[in-house]
């Protein structure tokens, strides 16, 4: 075991690292940590994210604008009304058939399409904190285009509001958990703002072979 790993083990075993993450959450919920959360941290309907990247889909959308235009033609529907289930996450292929779903379904489809188009894209679940609207759990997508980072909120109903530079909307979203390419799960500092998040048992993100 090298020195860096010994230090990391010491920080984790003494609780020092956990206290640092909790302190960071109070300052910047967007700080990212390479710790793997359990699937239940995303929501009861979440399944292994690899499966959302499998199976053929049929809609060709290779730019953020094309992705947004497709989502504008889809309809928001709560799971209990659409599927008679409390929380069910649609596979992107199923979403294309129904052209309806809730925020997770819109975001999963957009995430897959951005990855297929070669973008560095991340599926995110956290809290949306928009003024004059109820604060609640929400799903969205982050992606990079060149040096710029954008937030895509698929349930917004105009393109200018759906795809915006991160710096413009950063204060309105509080990320908790995310999934990068190859279904690699990780956490944001925002997770530690929640009592249930601080109680989760996390493990280091597995190293790539």
Protein backbone atom coordinates (compact mmCIF):
# COMPACT_ATOMS: atom_id res chain seq x y z
CA UNK A 1 0.00 0.00 0.00
CA UNK A 2 1.53 3.33 -1.07
CA UNK A 3 1.70 6.41 1.16
CA UNK A 4 -1.23 8.19 -0.51
CA UNK A 5 -3.50 5.20 0.06
CA UNK A 6 -2.38 4.95 3.68
CA UNK A 7 -3.28 8.62 4.20
CA UNK A 8 -6.66 8.11 2.51
CA UNK A 9 -7.35 5.09 4.71
CA UNK A 10 -6.42 7.06 7.83
CA UNK A 11 -8.66 9.98 6.84
CA UNK A 12 -11.61 7.68 6.24
CA UNK A 13 -11.11 5.44 9.26
CA UNK A 14 -10.86 8.38 11.68
CA UNK A 15 -13.88 10.20 10.22
CA UNK A 16 -11.70 13.14 9.22
CA UNK A 17 -12.60 12.80 5.52
CA UNK A 18 -16.32 12.58 6.32
CA UNK A 19 -16.19 15.74 8.43
CA UNK A 20 -14.34 17.52 5.63
CA UNK A 21 -17.05 16.56 3.12
CA UNK A 22 -19.79 17.75 5.47
CA UNK A 23 -17.99 21.09 5.88
CA UNK A 24 -17.55 21.37 2.12
CA UNK A 25 -21.28 20.79 1.56
CA UNK A 26 -22.10 23.92 3.52
CA UNK A 27 -19.90 25.98 1.20
CA UNK A 28 -20.17 24.37 -2.23
CA UNK A 29 -22.61 21.50 -2.93
CA UNK A 30 -21.13 21.12 -6.44
CA UNK A 31 -17.82 19.72 -5.17
CA UNK A 32 -17.44 16.21 -6.59
CA UNK A 33 -16.10 13.21 -4.65
CA UNK A 34 -15.05 9.88 -6.18
CA UNK A 35 -17.17 7.82 -3.81
CA UNK A 36 -19.70 5.33 -5.13
CA UNK A 37 -23.23 5.70 -3.72
CA UNK A 38 -25.70 2.79 -3.60
CA UNK A 39 -28.44 2.77 -6.22
CA UNK A 40 -31.04 3.65 -3.59
CA UNK A 41 -29.41 7.08 -3.24
CA UNK A 42 -30.79 7.94 -6.68
CA UNK A 43 -34.34 6.85 -5.89
CA UNK A 44 -36.33 3.64 -5.38
CA UNK A 45 -36.92 3.22 -9.12
CA UNK A 46 -33.27 3.37 -10.17
CA UNK A 47 -31.70 0.25 -11.70
CA UNK A 48 -28.11 -0.46 -12.72
CA UNK A 49 -27.21 2.41 -15.00
CA UNK A 50 -25.45 0.18 -17.53
CA UNK A 51 -28.85 -1.07 -18.63
CA UNK A 52 -29.97 2.44 -19.64
CA UNK A 53 -27.05 2.52 -22.08
CA UNK A 54 -27.97 -0.85 -23.61
CA UNK A 55 -30.71 -1.82 -26.09
CA UNK A 56 -31.30 0.01 -29.33
CA UNK A 57 -33.01 3.38 -29.47
CA UNK A 58 -34.39 4.92 -32.66
CA UNK A 59 -34.44 8.69 -32.31
CA UNK A 60 -31.46 10.41 -33.91
CA UNK A 61 -30.50 13.49 -31.88
CA UNK A 62 -26.84 14.44 -32.02
CA UNK A 63 -26.78 18.00 -30.65
CA UNK A 64 -28.11 19.55 -27.42
CA UNK A 65 -30.56 21.58 -29.51
CA UNK A 66 -31.92 18.49 -31.28
CA UNK A 67 -32.21 16.69 -27.94
CA UNK A 68 -34.07 19.65 -26.49
CA UNK A 69 -36.44 19.89 -29.45
CA UNK A 70 -37.35 16.23 -29.07
CA UNK A 71 -38.00 16.64 -25.35
CA UNK A 72 -40.24 19.64 -26.00
CA UNK A 73 -42.53 17.31 -27.96
CA UNK A 74 -42.75 14.89 -25.01
CA UNK A 75 -45.15 15.18 -22.10
CA UNK A 76 -44.44 15.31 -18.39
CA UNK A 77 -46.34 12.62 -16.45
CA UNK A 78 -45.94 11.36 -12.89
CA UNK A 79 -45.22 7.63 -12.57
CA UNK A 80 -48.40 7.01 -10.61
CA UNK A 81 -50.47 8.37 -13.50
CA UNK A 82 -48.42 6.98 -16.37
CA UNK A 83 -47.51 3.55 -15.00
CA UNK A 84 -49.56 3.18 -11.80
CA UNK A 85 -46.29 2.88 -9.85
CA UNK A 86 -44.76 5.10 -7.17
CA UNK A 87 -41.34 5.36 -8.83
CA UNK A 88 -40.42 3.65 -12.08
CA UNK A 89 -37.55 4.74 -14.31
CA UNK A 90 -38.15 4.25 -18.02
CA UNK A 91 -35.46 2.85 -20.28
CA UNK A 92 -34.67 5.41 -23.02
CA UNK A 93 -36.13 3.07 -25.65
CA UNK A 94 -39.38 2.86 -23.69
CA UNK A 95 -39.40 6.63 -23.23
CA UNK A 96 -39.27 6.99 -27.03
CA UNK A 97 -42.34 4.78 -27.36
CA UNK A 98 -44.39 6.59 -24.71
CA UNK A 99 -42.96 10.08 -25.31
CA UNK A 100 -43.93 10.80 -21.72
CA UNK A 101 -42.40 10.46 -18.28
CA UNK A 102 -41.09 12.38 -15.31
CA UNK A 103 -37.80 14.19 -14.73
CA UNK A 104 -35.70 11.01 -14.39
CA UNK A 105 -37.02 9.66 -17.69
CA UNK A 106 -36.36 12.92 -19.56
CA UNK A 107 -32.87 13.15 -18.06
CA UNK A 108 -31.90 9.52 -18.70
CA UNK A 109 -32.85 9.83 -22.36
CA UNK A 110 -30.95 13.11 -22.76
CA UNK A 111 -27.91 11.66 -20.95
CA UNK A 112 -27.76 8.67 -23.26
CA UNK A 113 -28.14 10.80 -26.39
CA UNK A 114 -25.41 13.20 -25.30
CA UNK A 115 -23.05 10.29 -24.59
CA UNK A 116 -23.83 8.77 -27.99
CA UNK A 117 -23.03 12.14 -29.61
CA UNK A 118 -19.62 12.17 -27.93
CA UNK A 119 -20.29 14.71 -25.19
CA UNK A 120 -18.84 14.46 -21.68
CA UNK A 121 -22.23 14.10 -19.98
CA UNK A 122 -23.34 13.28 -16.43
CA UNK A 123 -26.78 12.24 -15.16
CA UNK A 124 -27.49 14.00 -11.85
CA UNK A 125 -30.07 13.65 -9.08
CA UNK A 126 -30.41 16.27 -6.38
CA UNK A 127 -32.61 19.16 -5.31
CA UNK A 128 -34.07 21.91 -7.46
CA UNK A 129 -34.33 25.18 -5.57
CA UNK A 130 -35.97 27.59 -8.00
CA UNK A 131 -37.55 30.68 -6.37
CA UNK A 132 -41.33 30.66 -6.03
CA UNK A 133 -41.52 26.91 -6.69
CA UNK A 134 -41.50 24.05 -4.18
CA UNK A 135 -38.04 22.71 -3.35
CA UNK A 136 -37.93 19.06 -4.36
CA UNK A 137 -35.90 16.12 -5.64
CA UNK A 138 -35.10 16.40 -9.30
CA UNK A 139 -33.00 14.87 -12.09
CA UNK A 140 -31.07 16.69 -14.80
CA UNK A 141 -28.00 16.36 -17.03
CA UNK A 142 -24.66 18.15 -17.06
CA UNK A 143 -22.50 18.26 -20.19
CA UNK A 144 -19.43 19.99 -21.55
CA UNK A 145 -19.19 21.64 -24.95
CA UNK A 146 -15.61 22.70 -25.45
CA UNK A 147 -14.51 24.54 -22.33
CA UNK A 148 -18.05 25.44 -21.28
CA UNK A 149 -20.31 23.44 -18.95
CA UNK A 150 -24.08 23.37 -19.37
CA UNK A 151 -27.09 22.14 -17.42
CA UNK A 152 -29.90 20.47 -19.35
CA UNK A 153 -33.22 20.30 -17.49
CA UNK A 154 -35.44 18.25 -19.76
CA UNK A 155 -38.76 19.13 -18.18
CA UNK A 156 -38.41 22.85 -18.95
CA UNK A 157 -40.72 23.88 -21.78
CA UNK A 158 -38.55 26.25 -23.81
CA UNK A 159 -35.09 25.64 -25.26
CA UNK A 160 -33.50 28.72 -23.64
CA UNK A 161 -34.61 27.47 -20.22
CA UNK A 162 -33.89 23.82 -20.93
CA UNK A 163 -30.21 24.24 -21.85
CA UNK A 164 -28.30 26.92 -19.93
CA UNK A 165 -24.70 27.61 -18.94
CA UNK A 166 -24.05 26.18 -15.50
CA UNK A 167 -22.89 29.50 -14.06
CA UNK A 168 -26.33 31.00 -14.76
CA UNK A 169 -28.30 28.36 -12.83
CA UNK A 170 -25.80 26.98 -10.34
CA UNK A 171 -27.60 28.46 -7.32
CA UNK A 172 -30.94 26.89 -8.36
CA UNK A 173 -29.72 23.29 -8.27
CA UNK A 174 -28.15 21.26 -5.47
CA UNK A 175 -26.59 18.04 -6.81
CA UNK A 176 -26.31 14.95 -4.64
CA UNK A 177 -25.39 11.95 -6.78
CA UNK A 178 -24.28 11.50 -10.37
CA UNK A 179 -23.44 8.97 -13.06
CA UNK A 180 -20.73 9.54 -15.65
CA UNK A 181 -19.92 7.61 -18.82
CA UNK A 182 -19.64 3.84 -18.46
CA UNK A 183 -22.20 4.06 -15.63
CA UNK A 184 -19.63 5.20 -13.04
CA UNK A 185 -21.50 6.49 -9.99
CA UNK A 186 -20.13 9.24 -7.74
CA UNK A 187 -21.36 11.81 -5.22
CA UNK A 188 -21.49 15.58 -4.89
CA UNK A 189 -20.97 17.48 -1.66
CA UNK A 190 -24.68 18.36 -1.76
CA UNK A 191 -25.40 14.82 -0.59
CA UNK A 192 -23.94 15.74 2.81
CA UNK A 193 -26.53 18.45 3.34
CA UNK A 194 -29.08 15.68 3.96
CA UNK A 195 -29.14 13.56 7.13
CA UNK A 196 -29.83 10.41 5.09
CA UNK A 197 -26.91 11.28 2.79
CA UNK A 198 -24.49 11.66 5.68
CA UNK A 199 -25.58 8.23 6.95
CA UNK A 200 -24.89 6.39 3.67
CA UNK A 201 -22.04 3.92 3.51
CA UNK A 202 -19.93 4.86 0.48
CA UNK A 203 -16.95 3.21 -1.11
CA UNK A 204 -14.24 4.57 -3.42
CA UNK A 205 -15.14 4.56 -7.10
CA UNK A 206 -13.58 1.39 -8.55
CA UNK A 207 -10.45 2.08 -10.58
CA UNK A 208 -10.64 1.34 -14.29
CA UNK A 209 -8.77 -1.71 -15.39
